[in-house]
Amino acid sequence: MAFIRLFIHVIPQLVPGLWLTVGLAVGATVISAVVGLAFALAAVSKIAPARLAVAAYVEFLRNTPLLVQMFFIFFGLPFLGVRMSPFSAALLALAVQHTAFFSEIYRAGLQAVSKRSHEAAKALGLGYWKSLRLVILPQAIVKVLPAMTNELVQIVKDTSVASTIAVAELTLRGGTIAEQTASTSVAFVAVACYYLVLTGIVTVAARVVENRLRFAE
């Protein structure tokens, strides 16, 4: 009973951290999804320097830890005269890394679209951008929705790394409450419950969108 009472007491204290976590996740998702699409288009283009640049970016960001990237942005950039708030540094680090993952997801989807679709778009007299917007991209998105769902869930979980640079999101907030209450287990069970709810919402929403898009096909 003591555990439950303390759990109920801790839950509302984590709400400020919850909003910071949501803000980081939404901001990083929007930035990385948009920039990642631009990078994916460059990766499948006929411009060799663009393909090489994107490939180098993806390999470097995908193969180095998010924590190292976040430390570099927050602690390293000030030596170059660039100073950022902890929240901005965390958001930039999350966006920069997940842009690489989104780029690969989009690239796989674009390359999975059949040649017939490209030929059909040309036969209809559609230009590159209209063909991309009306024919190619919708098919590519449907094909990679499961991978995109996994990526969205990963972004939510990766926001916890922001606690290392003093962003008071769920994990850091949970650690602070654990110190104040001397009950680490209760605090972090509550934190885990919040993460489960957030990732559950993302997963269910993505499944609904996926089912509707597949039905629309």
N, C-alpha and C. Protein backbone atom coordinates (compact mmCIF):
# COMPACT_ATOMS: atom_id res chain seq x y z
N MET A 1 0.82 -1.21 0.00
CA MET A 1 0.00 0.00 0.00
C MET A 1 0.85 1.26 0.00
N ALA A 2 1.98 1.21 0.70
CA ALA A 2 2.86 2.38 0.76
C ALA A 2 3.39 2.71 -0.64
N PHE A 3 3.72 1.66 -1.40
CA PHE A 3 4.21 1.84 -2.76
C PHE A 3 3.15 2.55 -3.61
N ILE A 4 1.90 2.11 -3.50
CA ILE A 4 0.82 2.69 -4.31
C ILE A 4 0.57 4.13 -3.92
N ARG A 5 0.58 4.42 -2.62
CA ARG A 5 0.36 5.80 -2.17
C ARG A 5 1.45 6.72 -2.70
N LEU A 6 2.69 6.25 -2.60
CA LEU A 6 3.81 7.07 -3.07
C LEU A 6 3.77 7.21 -4.60
N PHE A 7 3.38 6.14 -5.28
CA PHE A 7 3.26 6.16 -6.74
C PHE A 7 2.23 7.22 -7.17
N ILE A 8 1.09 7.23 -6.50
CA ILE A 8 0.04 8.21 -6.81
C ILE A 8 0.53 9.63 -6.52
N HIS A 9 1.36 9.77 -5.51
CA HIS A 9 1.91 11.08 -5.16
C HIS A 9 2.94 11.55 -6.20
N VAL A 10 3.70 10.61 -6.75
CA VAL A 10 4.78 10.95 -7.69
C VAL A 10 4.24 11.29 -9.08
N ILE A 11 3.21 10.60 -9.53
CA ILE A 11 2.70 10.74 -10.89
C ILE A 11 2.48 12.20 -11.31
N PRO A 12 1.75 13.01 -10.54
CA PRO A 12 1.55 14.40 -10.98
C PRO A 12 2.83 15.25 -10.96
N GLN A 13 3.80 14.87 -10.13
CA GLN A 13 5.04 15.63 -10.06
C GLN A 13 5.88 15.47 -11.33
N LEU A 14 5.59 14.43 -12.09
CA LEU A 14 6.34 14.18 -13.32
C LEU A 14 5.76 14.90 -14.54
N VAL A 15 4.61 15.52 -14.38
CA VAL A 15 3.93 16.15 -15.52
C VAL A 15 4.78 17.22 -16.21
N PRO A 16 5.47 18.12 -15.46
CA PRO A 16 6.33 19.10 -16.16
C PRO A 16 7.39 18.43 -17.03
N GLY A 17 7.96 17.33 -16.54
CA GLY A 17 8.94 16.58 -17.33
C GLY A 17 8.30 15.92 -18.54
N LEU A 18 7.05 15.50 -18.38
CA LEU A 18 6.32 14.90 -19.49
C LEU A 18 6.18 15.88 -20.64
N TRP A 19 5.82 17.14 -20.35
CA TRP A 19 5.63 18.12 -21.41
C TRP A 19 6.94 18.43 -22.12
N LEU A 20 8.04 18.46 -21.38
CA LEU A 20 9.34 18.66 -22.02
C LEU A 20 9.69 17.49 -22.93
N THR A 21 9.40 16.29 -22.47
CA THR A 21 9.64 15.09 -23.29
C THR A 21 8.82 15.14 -24.57
N VAL A 22 7.54 15.49 -24.44
CA VAL A 22 6.67 15.59 -25.62
C VAL A 22 7.18 16.66 -26.57
N GLY A 23 7.60 17.80 -26.02
CA GLY A 23 8.12 18.88 -26.86
C GLY A 23 9.35 18.46 -27.63
N LEU A 24 10.26 17.78 -26.94
CA LEU A 24 11.48 17.28 -27.61
C LEU A 24 11.13 16.28 -28.69
N ALA A 25 10.24 15.34 -28.38
CA ALA A 25 9.88 14.29 -29.34
C ALA A 25 9.19 14.85 -30.56
N VAL A 26 8.24 15.75 -30.35
CA VAL A 26 7.50 16.33 -31.48
C VAL A 26 8.43 17.19 -32.34
N GLY A 27 9.23 18.04 -31.69
CA GLY A 27 10.15 18.90 -32.44
C GLY A 27 11.15 18.10 -33.25
N ALA A 28 11.75 17.09 -32.62
CA ALA A 28 12.74 16.26 -33.31
C ALA A 28 12.10 15.47 -34.45
N THR A 29 10.88 15.00 -34.24
CA THR A 29 10.18 14.24 -35.28
C THR A 29 9.90 15.10 -36.51
N VAL A 30 9.37 16.30 -36.28
CA VAL A 30 9.03 17.18 -37.39
C VAL A 30 10.28 17.55 -38.19
N ILE A 31 11.33 17.96 -37.49
CA ILE A 31 12.56 18.38 -38.18
C ILE A 31 13.19 17.22 -38.93
N SER A 32 13.37 16.10 -38.25
CA SER A 32 14.06 14.97 -38.88
C SER A 32 13.25 14.34 -40.00
N ALA A 33 11.92 14.35 -39.88
CA ALA A 33 11.08 13.78 -40.94
C ALA A 33 11.15 14.63 -42.21
N VAL A 34 11.12 15.95 -42.05
CA VAL A 34 11.16 16.84 -43.21
C VAL A 34 12.56 16.86 -43.85
N VAL A 35 13.59 17.06 -43.03
CA VAL A 35 14.95 17.11 -43.56
C VAL A 35 15.36 15.74 -44.09
N GLY A 36 14.92 14.69 -43.40
CA GLY A 36 15.24 13.33 -43.85
C GLY A 36 14.69 13.04 -45.23
N LEU A 37 13.49 13.56 -45.53
CA LEU A 37 12.91 13.37 -46.86
C LEU A 37 13.76 14.07 -47.92
N ALA A 38 14.19 15.29 -47.61
CA ALA A 38 15.04 16.03 -48.55
C ALA A 38 16.34 15.26 -48.81
N PHE A 39 16.92 14.71 -47.75
CA PHE A 39 18.16 13.94 -47.89
C PHE A 39 17.93 12.66 -48.69
N ALA A 40 16.78 12.03 -48.48
CA ALA A 40 16.48 10.80 -49.22
C ALA A 40 16.34 11.08 -50.71
N LEU A 41 15.71 12.19 -51.04
CA LEU A 41 15.58 12.56 -52.46
C LEU A 41 16.95 12.81 -53.07
N ALA A 42 17.84 13.41 -52.29
CA ALA A 42 19.21 13.62 -52.77
C ALA A 42 19.92 12.28 -52.93
N ALA A 43 19.64 11.35 -52.01
CA ALA A 43 20.31 10.04 -52.04
C ALA A 43 19.92 9.20 -53.25
N VAL A 44 18.73 9.42 -53.79
CA VAL A 44 18.29 8.64 -54.96
C VAL A 44 18.36 9.46 -56.25
N SER A 45 18.93 10.65 -56.15
CA SER A 45 19.04 11.50 -57.34
C SER A 45 20.19 11.05 -58.23
N LYS A 46 20.32 11.69 -59.38
CA LYS A 46 21.41 11.38 -60.32
C LYS A 46 22.64 12.25 -60.07
N ILE A 47 22.60 13.06 -59.01
CA ILE A 47 23.71 13.95 -58.69
C ILE A 47 24.67 13.24 -57.75
N ALA A 48 25.79 12.81 -58.27
CA ALA A 48 26.74 12.00 -57.50
C ALA A 48 27.24 12.69 -56.23
N PRO A 49 27.65 13.97 -56.27
CA PRO A 49 28.12 14.62 -55.04
C PRO A 49 27.05 14.64 -53.95
N ALA A 50 25.78 14.83 -54.35
CA ALA A 50 24.69 14.84 -53.37
C ALA A 50 24.52 13.47 -52.74
N ARG A 51 24.61 12.42 -53.57
CA ARG A 51 24.48 11.06 -53.04
C ARG A 51 25.60 10.74 -52.07
N LEU A 52 26.82 11.13 -52.42
CA LEU A 52 27.98 10.87 -51.56
C LEU A 52 27.88 11.64 -50.25
N ALA A 53 27.44 12.89 -50.32
CA ALA A 53 27.32 13.71 -49.12
C ALA A 53 26.30 13.13 -48.15
N VAL A 54 25.16 12.71 -48.69
CA VAL A 54 24.12 12.11 -47.84
C VAL A 54 24.60 10.79 -47.26
N ALA A 55 25.27 9.99 -48.06
CA ALA A 55 25.79 8.70 -47.58
C ALA A 55 26.77 8.91 -46.44
N ALA A 56 27.66 9.90 -46.58
CA ALA A 56 28.64 10.20 -45.53
C ALA A 56 27.93 10.67 -44.26
N TYR A 57 26.95 11.53 -44.42
CA TYR A 57 26.18 12.04 -43.28
C TYR A 57 25.50 10.89 -42.54
N VAL A 58 24.83 10.04 -43.29
CA VAL A 58 24.09 8.93 -42.69
C VAL A 58 25.02 7.99 -41.95
N GLU A 59 26.14 7.63 -42.58
CA GLU A 59 27.06 6.69 -41.94
C GLU A 59 27.67 7.27 -40.67
N PHE A 60 28.03 8.55 -40.71
CA PHE A 60 28.65 9.16 -39.53
C PHE A 60 27.65 9.27 -38.39
N LEU A 61 26.45 9.77 -38.67
CA LEU A 61 25.47 9.98 -37.60
C LEU A 61 24.90 8.67 -37.09
N ARG A 62 24.75 7.71 -37.99
CA ARG A 62 24.15 6.44 -37.58
C ARG A 62 25.12 5.59 -36.76
N ASN A 63 26.41 5.81 -36.95
CA ASN A 63 27.41 4.97 -36.29
C ASN A 63 28.13 5.65 -35.14
N THR A 64 27.62 6.78 -34.69
CA THR A 64 28.16 7.41 -33.48
C THR A 64 27.03 7.58 -32.48
N PRO A 65 27.31 7.44 -31.19
CA PRO A 65 26.24 7.48 -30.18
C PRO A 65 25.58 8.85 -30.07
N LEU A 66 24.29 8.83 -29.81
CA LEU A 66 23.54 10.07 -29.61
C LEU A 66 24.12 10.88 -28.45
N LEU A 67 24.53 10.19 -27.40
CA LEU A 67 25.08 10.89 -26.23
C LEU A 67 26.32 11.69 -26.61
N VAL A 68 27.19 11.12 -27.42
CA VAL A 68 28.41 11.82 -27.85
C VAL A 68 28.04 13.04 -28.69
N GLN A 69 27.09 12.87 -29.58
CA GLN A 69 26.66 13.98 -30.43
C GLN A 69 26.05 15.11 -29.59
N MET A 70 25.27 14.73 -28.58
CA MET A 70 24.65 15.73 -27.72
C MET A 70 25.69 16.48 -26.90
N PHE A 71 26.67 15.77 -26.40
CA PHE A 71 27.75 16.41 -25.64
C PHE A 71 28.55 17.36 -26.53
N PHE A 72 28.79 16.93 -27.78
CA PHE A 72 29.55 17.79 -28.69
C PHE A 72 28.79 19.09 -28.95
N ILE A 73 27.48 18.97 -29.19
CA ILE A 73 26.68 20.17 -29.48
C ILE A 73 26.61 21.09 -28.26
N PHE A 74 26.40 20.51 -27.08
CA PHE A 74 26.20 21.34 -25.89
C PHE A 74 27.51 21.83 -25.28
N PHE A 75 28.53 20.97 -25.24
CA PHE A 75 29.79 21.35 -24.60
C PHE A 75 30.86 21.78 -25.61
N GLY A 76 30.78 21.23 -26.84
CA GLY A 76 31.83 21.52 -27.82
C GLY A 76 31.60 22.78 -28.63
N LEU A 77 30.37 23.01 -29.07
CA LEU A 77 30.09 24.17 -29.91
C LEU A 77 30.40 25.52 -29.24
N PRO A 78 30.24 25.64 -27.92
CA PRO A 78 30.61 26.92 -27.29
C PRO A 78 32.05 27.35 -27.56
N PHE A 79 32.95 26.38 -27.77
CA PHE A 79 34.35 26.72 -28.09
C PHE A 79 34.45 27.37 -29.46
N LEU A 80 33.41 27.14 -30.31
CA LEU A 80 33.37 27.75 -31.63
C LEU A 80 32.49 29.00 -31.63
N GLY A 81 32.06 29.40 -30.45
CA GLY A 81 31.25 30.60 -30.33
C GLY A 81 29.76 30.37 -30.47
N VAL A 82 29.33 29.11 -30.50
CA VAL A 82 27.91 28.79 -30.64
C VAL A 82 27.39 28.26 -29.31
N ARG A 83 26.54 29.02 -28.67
CA ARG A 83 25.99 28.62 -27.37
C ARG A 83 24.50 28.36 -27.50
N MET A 84 24.07 27.28 -26.90
CA MET A 84 22.66 26.90 -26.99
C MET A 84 22.16 26.53 -25.61
N SER A 85 20.86 26.70 -25.41
CA SER A 85 20.24 26.25 -24.16
C SER A 85 20.25 24.72 -24.14
N PRO A 86 20.16 24.11 -22.96
CA PRO A 86 20.11 22.64 -22.91
C PRO A 86 18.99 22.05 -23.77
N PHE A 87 17.81 22.68 -23.73
CA PHE A 87 16.69 22.15 -24.52
C PHE A 87 16.99 22.23 -26.01
N SER A 88 17.52 23.37 -26.47
CA SER A 88 17.83 23.54 -27.89
C SER A 88 18.91 22.57 -28.34
N ALA A 89 19.92 22.37 -27.50
CA ALA A 89 21.00 21.44 -27.84
C ALA A 89 20.48 20.02 -27.94
N ALA A 90 19.61 19.64 -27.00
CA ALA A 90 19.04 18.29 -27.03
C ALA A 90 18.17 18.11 -28.27
N LEU A 91 17.36 19.12 -28.58
CA LEU A 91 16.50 19.04 -29.76
C LEU A 91 17.32 18.92 -31.03
N LEU A 92 18.37 19.71 -31.13
CA LEU A 92 19.23 19.66 -32.32
C LEU A 92 19.90 18.30 -32.45
N ALA A 93 20.41 17.77 -31.34
CA ALA A 93 21.09 16.47 -31.38
C ALA A 93 20.12 15.37 -31.81
N LEU A 94 18.93 15.37 -31.25
CA LEU A 94 17.93 14.36 -31.63
C LEU A 94 17.56 14.49 -33.11
N ALA A 95 17.35 15.73 -33.56
CA ALA A 95 16.96 15.95 -34.95
C ALA A 95 18.07 15.55 -35.91
N VAL A 96 19.30 15.91 -35.57
CA VAL A 96 20.44 15.61 -36.45
C VAL A 96 20.62 14.10 -36.61
N GLN A 97 20.55 13.37 -35.48
CA GLN A 97 20.75 11.92 -35.61
C GLN A 97 19.58 11.25 -36.32
N HIS A 98 18.37 11.60 -35.94
CA HIS A 98 17.22 10.88 -36.50
C HIS A 98 16.93 11.30 -37.94
N THR A 99 17.47 12.43 -38.37
CA THR A 99 17.40 12.76 -39.80
C THR A 99 18.08 11.66 -40.62
N ALA A 100 19.19 11.16 -40.11
CA ALA A 100 19.91 10.09 -40.82
C ALA A 100 19.05 8.84 -40.93
N PHE A 101 18.35 8.49 -39.86
CA PHE A 101 17.51 7.29 -39.88
C PHE A 101 16.29 7.48 -40.78
N PHE A 102 15.66 8.65 -40.69
CA PHE A 102 14.52 8.93 -41.56
C PHE A 102 14.94 8.92 -43.03
N SER A 103 16.11 9.46 -43.30
CA SER A 103 16.61 9.48 -44.67
C SER A 103 16.72 8.07 -45.24
N GLU A 104 17.25 7.15 -44.46
CA GLU A 104 17.36 5.77 -44.91
C GLU A 104 16.00 5.10 -45.09
N ILE A 105 15.09 5.41 -44.19
CA ILE A 105 13.74 4.84 -44.30
C ILE A 105 13.05 5.31 -45.58
N TYR A 106 13.11 6.62 -45.81
CA TYR A 106 12.51 7.17 -47.03
C TYR A 106 13.18 6.60 -48.28
N ARG A 107 14.52 6.53 -48.24
CA ARG A 107 15.26 6.02 -49.40
C ARG A 107 14.81 4.61 -49.76
N ALA A 108 14.66 3.77 -48.73
CA ALA A 108 14.21 2.40 -48.97
C ALA A 108 12.81 2.39 -49.59
N GLY A 109 11.94 3.28 -49.09
CA GLY A 109 10.59 3.34 -49.64
C GLY A 109 10.57 3.82 -51.08
N LEU A 110 11.36 4.84 -51.37
CA LEU A 110 11.41 5.38 -52.74
C LEU A 110 11.93 4.34 -53.72
N GLN A 111 12.94 3.59 -53.29
CA GLN A 111 13.52 2.59 -54.18
C GLN A 111 12.64 1.35 -54.32
N ALA A 112 11.67 1.21 -53.40
CA ALA A 112 10.77 0.05 -53.46
C ALA A 112 9.59 0.29 -54.40
N VAL A 113 9.39 1.54 -54.80
CA VAL A 113 8.29 1.84 -55.73
C VAL A 113 8.65 1.28 -57.10
N SER A 114 7.73 0.57 -57.71
CA SER A 114 8.00 -0.12 -58.98
C SER A 114 8.25 0.84 -60.13
N LYS A 115 8.98 0.36 -61.12
CA LYS A 115 9.25 1.16 -62.31
C LYS A 115 7.96 1.47 -63.07
N ARG A 116 6.99 0.59 -62.95
CA ARG A 116 5.71 0.81 -63.62
C ARG A 116 5.07 2.11 -63.14
N SER A 117 5.19 2.39 -61.85
CA SER A 117 4.60 3.61 -61.30
C SER A 117 5.28 4.84 -61.89
N HIS A 118 6.60 4.77 -62.01
CA HIS A 118 7.35 5.88 -62.61
C HIS A 118 6.94 6.07 -64.07
N GLU A 119 6.82 4.94 -64.78
CA GLU A 119 6.46 5.01 -66.19
C GLU A 119 5.03 5.51 -66.37
N ALA A 120 4.13 5.10 -65.46
CA ALA A 120 2.74 5.55 -65.54
C ALA A 120 2.65 7.06 -65.32
N ALA A 121 3.45 7.56 -64.37
CA ALA A 121 3.46 9.00 -64.10
C ALA A 121 3.95 9.77 -65.32
N LYS A 122 4.99 9.25 -65.98
CA LYS A 122 5.50 9.90 -67.18
C LYS A 122 4.46 9.86 -68.30
N ALA A 123 3.77 8.72 -68.41
CA ALA A 123 2.77 8.58 -69.46
C ALA A 123 1.63 9.57 -69.27
N LEU A 124 1.35 9.93 -68.04
CA LEU A 124 0.30 10.91 -67.75
C LEU A 124 0.78 12.35 -67.94
N GLY A 125 2.04 12.49 -68.27
CA GLY A 125 2.59 13.81 -68.50
C GLY A 125 2.92 14.58 -67.24
N LEU A 126 3.09 13.88 -66.12
CA LEU A 126 3.40 14.55 -64.86
C LEU A 126 4.88 14.90 -64.80
N GLY A 127 5.19 16.08 -64.31
CA GLY A 127 6.58 16.47 -64.11
C GLY A 127 7.16 15.78 -62.89
N TYR A 128 8.44 16.05 -62.62
CA TYR A 128 9.12 15.37 -61.51
C TYR A 128 8.42 15.58 -60.18
N TRP A 129 8.13 16.84 -59.85
CA TRP A 129 7.57 17.14 -58.53
C TRP A 129 6.14 16.65 -58.39
N LYS A 130 5.35 16.79 -59.45
CA LYS A 130 3.97 16.29 -59.40
C LYS A 130 3.95 14.77 -59.31
N SER A 131 4.84 14.15 -60.08
CA SER A 131 4.95 12.69 -60.04
C SER A 131 5.34 12.22 -58.64
N LEU A 132 6.29 12.95 -58.04
CA LEU A 132 6.75 12.59 -56.70
C LEU A 132 5.61 12.75 -55.69
N ARG A 133 4.91 13.86 -55.76
CA ARG A 133 3.88 14.19 -54.76
C ARG A 133 2.63 13.32 -54.91
N LEU A 134 2.24 13.05 -56.14
CA LEU A 134 0.96 12.38 -56.37
C LEU A 134 1.08 10.87 -56.55
N VAL A 135 2.24 10.39 -56.99
CA VAL A 135 2.36 8.96 -57.33
C VAL A 135 3.41 8.24 -56.49
N ILE A 136 4.63 8.75 -56.52
CA ILE A 136 5.75 8.02 -55.93
C ILE A 136 5.75 8.08 -54.40
N LEU A 137 5.71 9.28 -53.86
CA LEU A 137 5.82 9.44 -52.41
C LEU A 137 4.70 8.76 -51.62
N PRO A 138 3.43 8.85 -52.06
CA PRO A 138 2.38 8.14 -51.31
C PRO A 138 2.63 6.63 -51.23
N GLN A 139 3.09 6.04 -52.33
CA GLN A 139 3.37 4.61 -52.32
C GLN A 139 4.56 4.30 -51.41
N ALA A 140 5.58 5.15 -51.47
CA ALA A 140 6.78 4.94 -50.65
C ALA A 140 6.44 5.01 -49.17
N ILE A 141 5.62 5.98 -48.78
CA ILE A 141 5.25 6.15 -47.36
C ILE A 141 4.52 4.92 -46.84
N VAL A 142 3.59 4.42 -47.64
CA VAL A 142 2.83 3.24 -47.22
C VAL A 142 3.76 2.06 -46.98
N LYS A 143 4.75 1.91 -47.83
CA LYS A 143 5.67 0.76 -47.72
C LYS A 143 6.55 0.83 -46.47
N VAL A 144 6.83 2.03 -46.00
CA VAL A 144 7.78 2.15 -44.88
C VAL A 144 7.11 2.59 -43.58
N LEU A 145 5.79 2.58 -43.52
CA LEU A 145 5.11 3.00 -42.30
C LEU A 145 5.53 2.22 -41.05
N PRO A 146 5.67 0.89 -41.12
CA PRO A 146 6.13 0.17 -39.92
C PRO A 146 7.50 0.65 -39.44
N ALA A 147 8.41 0.89 -40.37
CA ALA A 147 9.74 1.38 -40.00
C ALA A 147 9.65 2.78 -39.41
N MET A 148 8.77 3.61 -39.96
CA MET A 148 8.59 4.96 -39.43
C MET A 148 8.01 4.92 -38.03
N THR A 149 7.10 3.99 -37.79
CA THR A 149 6.53 3.83 -36.44
C THR A 149 7.62 3.49 -35.44
N ASN A 150 8.48 2.55 -35.80
CA ASN A 150 9.60 2.19 -34.92
C ASN A 150 10.50 3.39 -34.65
N GLU A 151 10.71 4.21 -35.68
CA GLU A 151 11.56 5.38 -35.53
C GLU A 151 10.93 6.41 -34.59
N LEU A 152 9.63 6.61 -34.69
CA LEU A 152 8.94 7.54 -33.80
C LEU A 152 9.03 7.08 -32.34
N VAL A 153 8.86 5.79 -32.13
CA VAL A 153 8.99 5.24 -30.77
C VAL A 153 10.41 5.44 -30.25
N GLN A 154 11.39 5.23 -31.12
CA GLN A 154 12.79 5.40 -30.72
C GLN A 154 13.09 6.85 -30.34
N ILE A 155 12.51 7.79 -31.06
CA ILE A 155 12.71 9.21 -30.73
C ILE A 155 12.18 9.51 -29.33
N VAL A 156 11.00 8.99 -29.03
CA VAL A 156 10.43 9.21 -27.69
C VAL A 156 11.38 8.68 -26.63
N LYS A 157 11.90 7.48 -26.83
CA LYS A 157 12.80 6.90 -25.84
C LYS A 157 14.13 7.64 -25.77
N ASP A 158 14.61 8.11 -26.91
CA ASP A 158 15.90 8.81 -26.94
C ASP A 158 15.87 10.17 -26.25
N THR A 159 14.67 10.71 -26.02
CA THR A 159 14.60 11.98 -25.30
C THR A 159 15.19 11.86 -23.90
N SER A 160 15.24 10.65 -23.38
CA SER A 160 15.79 10.44 -22.03
C SER A 160 17.27 10.83 -21.95
N VAL A 161 17.98 10.78 -23.09
CA VAL A 161 19.39 11.15 -23.11
C VAL A 161 19.58 12.63 -22.78
N ALA A 162 18.54 13.43 -23.02
CA ALA A 162 18.62 14.86 -22.73
C ALA A 162 18.85 15.14 -21.25
N SER A 163 18.54 14.17 -20.41
CA SER A 163 18.76 14.35 -18.97
C SER A 163 20.23 14.56 -18.64
N THR A 164 21.12 14.09 -19.51
CA THR A 164 22.56 14.20 -19.25
C THR A 164 23.08 15.62 -19.40
N ILE A 165 22.29 16.50 -20.05
CA ILE A 165 22.72 17.90 -20.17
C ILE A 165 21.72 18.81 -19.45
N ALA A 166 21.10 18.26 -18.41
CA ALA A 166 20.25 19.03 -17.49
C ALA A 166 18.94 19.51 -18.09
N VAL A 167 18.40 18.78 -19.07
CA VAL A 167 17.05 19.07 -19.54
C VAL A 167 16.10 18.29 -18.62
N ALA A 168 15.22 18.99 -17.94
CA ALA A 168 14.39 18.36 -16.91
C ALA A 168 13.20 17.62 -17.51
N GLU A 169 13.49 16.69 -18.43
CA GLU A 169 12.43 15.87 -19.00
C GLU A 169 12.10 14.74 -18.02
N LEU A 170 11.39 13.73 -18.49
CA LEU A 170 10.89 12.70 -17.58
C LEU A 170 11.99 12.01 -16.77
N THR A 171 13.08 11.63 -17.44
CA THR A 171 14.12 10.86 -16.75
C THR A 171 14.81 11.69 -15.66
N LEU A 172 15.20 12.91 -15.99
CA LEU A 172 15.86 13.75 -14.99
C LEU A 172 14.88 14.12 -13.88
N ARG A 173 13.65 14.41 -14.25
CA ARG A 173 12.63 14.71 -13.25
C ARG A 173 12.42 13.52 -12.32
N GLY A 174 12.43 12.33 -12.89
CA GLY A 174 12.29 11.12 -12.08
C GLY A 174 13.45 10.94 -11.13
N GLY A 175 14.67 11.24 -11.61
CA GLY A 175 15.84 11.14 -10.76
C GLY A 175 15.80 12.12 -9.61
N THR A 176 15.33 13.33 -9.89
CA THR A 176 15.21 14.35 -8.84
C THR A 176 14.21 13.92 -7.78
N ILE A 177 13.07 13.40 -8.22
CA ILE A 177 12.04 12.94 -7.28
C ILE A 177 12.53 11.75 -6.47
N ALA A 178 13.31 10.88 -7.12
CA ALA A 178 13.87 9.72 -6.41
C ALA A 178 14.78 10.17 -5.27
N GLU A 179 15.57 11.23 -5.52
CA GLU A 179 16.45 11.75 -4.46
C GLU A 179 15.65 12.40 -3.34
N GLN A 180 14.58 13.08 -3.71
CA GLN A 180 13.77 13.77 -2.71
C GLN A 180 12.96 12.81 -1.84
N THR A 181 12.49 11.74 -2.45
CA THR A 181 11.63 10.80 -1.72
C THR A 181 12.38 9.59 -1.18
N ALA A 182 13.64 9.43 -1.62
CA ALA A 182 14.45 8.26 -1.23
C ALA A 182 13.76 6.96 -1.66
N SER A 183 13.04 7.03 -2.77
CA SER A 183 12.37 5.84 -3.28
C SER A 183 12.58 5.77 -4.79
N THR A 184 13.73 5.26 -5.17
CA THR A 184 14.10 5.20 -6.58
C THR A 184 13.16 4.32 -7.38
N SER A 185 12.77 3.18 -6.80
CA SER A 185 11.93 2.24 -7.54
C SER A 185 10.59 2.86 -7.91
N VAL A 186 9.96 3.56 -6.97
CA VAL A 186 8.65 4.16 -7.24
C VAL A 186 8.78 5.23 -8.32
N ALA A 187 9.78 6.09 -8.19
CA ALA A 187 9.95 7.20 -9.14
C ALA A 187 10.16 6.69 -10.55
N PHE A 188 11.01 5.68 -10.71
CA PHE A 188 11.31 5.23 -12.07
C PHE A 188 10.28 4.26 -12.62
N VAL A 189 9.50 3.62 -11.77
CA VAL A 189 8.35 2.87 -12.27
C VAL A 189 7.34 3.85 -12.86
N ALA A 190 7.16 4.99 -12.18
CA ALA A 190 6.26 6.03 -12.69
C ALA A 190 6.78 6.58 -14.02
N VAL A 191 8.08 6.82 -14.09
CA VAL A 191 8.69 7.30 -15.34
C VAL A 191 8.46 6.29 -16.47
N ALA A 192 8.68 5.02 -16.16
CA ALA A 192 8.49 3.97 -17.17
C ALA A 192 7.04 3.93 -17.64
N CYS A 193 6.10 4.14 -16.72
CA CYS A 193 4.68 4.14 -17.10
C CYS A 193 4.37 5.27 -18.08
N TYR A 194 4.95 6.44 -17.83
CA TYR A 194 4.75 7.56 -18.74
C TYR A 194 5.30 7.24 -20.13
N TYR A 195 6.51 6.66 -20.18
CA TYR A 195 7.08 6.30 -21.47
C TYR A 195 6.23 5.25 -22.19
N LEU A 196 5.71 4.31 -21.43
CA LEU A 196 4.85 3.29 -22.03
C LEU A 196 3.59 3.91 -22.63
N VAL A 197 3.02 4.88 -21.91
CA VAL A 197 1.82 5.55 -22.41
C VAL A 197 2.14 6.33 -23.69
N LEU A 198 3.25 7.07 -23.67
CA LEU A 198 3.64 7.86 -24.84
C LEU A 198 3.90 6.98 -26.06
N THR A 199 4.70 5.95 -25.88
CA THR A 199 5.02 5.07 -27.01
C THR A 199 3.79 4.28 -27.45
N GLY A 200 2.91 3.97 -26.50
CA GLY A 200 1.68 3.29 -26.86
C GLY A 200 0.78 4.16 -27.73
N ILE A 201 0.67 5.45 -27.38
CA ILE A 201 -0.12 6.38 -28.18
C ILE A 201 0.45 6.50 -29.59
N VAL A 202 1.77 6.62 -29.67
CA VAL A 202 2.43 6.73 -30.98
C VAL A 202 2.15 5.48 -31.82
N THR A 203 2.29 4.31 -31.20
CA THR A 203 2.11 3.05 -31.93
C THR A 203 0.68 2.87 -32.41
N VAL A 204 -0.28 3.14 -31.54
CA VAL A 204 -1.69 2.99 -31.91
C VAL A 204 -2.06 3.97 -33.02
N ALA A 205 -1.64 5.23 -32.87
CA ALA A 205 -1.94 6.24 -33.89
C ALA A 205 -1.34 5.85 -35.24
N ALA A 206 -0.11 5.36 -35.21
CA ALA A 206 0.55 4.95 -36.45
C ALA A 206 -0.16 3.76 -37.08
N ARG A 207 -0.62 2.82 -36.27
CA ARG A 207 -1.34 1.65 -36.80
C ARG A 207 -2.66 2.08 -37.46
N VAL A 208 -3.34 3.04 -36.84
CA VAL A 208 -4.59 3.53 -37.41
C VAL A 208 -4.33 4.17 -38.77
N VAL A 209 -3.31 5.02 -38.84
CA VAL A 209 -2.96 5.66 -40.11
C VAL A 209 -2.56 4.62 -41.14
N GLU A 210 -1.77 3.65 -40.71
CA GLU A 210 -1.31 2.60 -41.64
C GLU A 210 -2.49 1.82 -42.21
N ASN A 211 -3.42 1.44 -41.35
CA ASN A 211 -4.59 0.68 -41.80
C ASN A 211 -5.44 1.49 -42.76
N ARG A 212 -5.61 2.76 -42.48
CA ARG A 212 -6.44 3.61 -43.35
C ARG A 212 -5.78 3.80 -44.72
N LEU A 213 -4.47 3.99 -44.71
CA LEU A 213 -3.77 4.19 -45.98
C LEU A 213 -3.78 2.91 -46.82
N ARG A 214 -3.60 1.77 -46.15
CA ARG A 214 -3.61 0.51 -46.90
C ARG A 214 -5.02 0.23 -47.43
N PHE A 215 -6.05 0.59 -46.65
CA PHE A 215 -7.42 0.39 -47.10
C PHE A 215 -7.70 1.31 -48.30
N ALA A 216 -7.13 2.52 -48.25
CA ALA A 216 -7.37 3.48 -49.34
C ALA A 216 -6.75 3.01 -50.64
N GLU A 217 -5.69 2.18 -50.53
CA GLU A 217 -5.04 1.66 -51.76
C GLU A 217 -6.01 0.78 -52.55
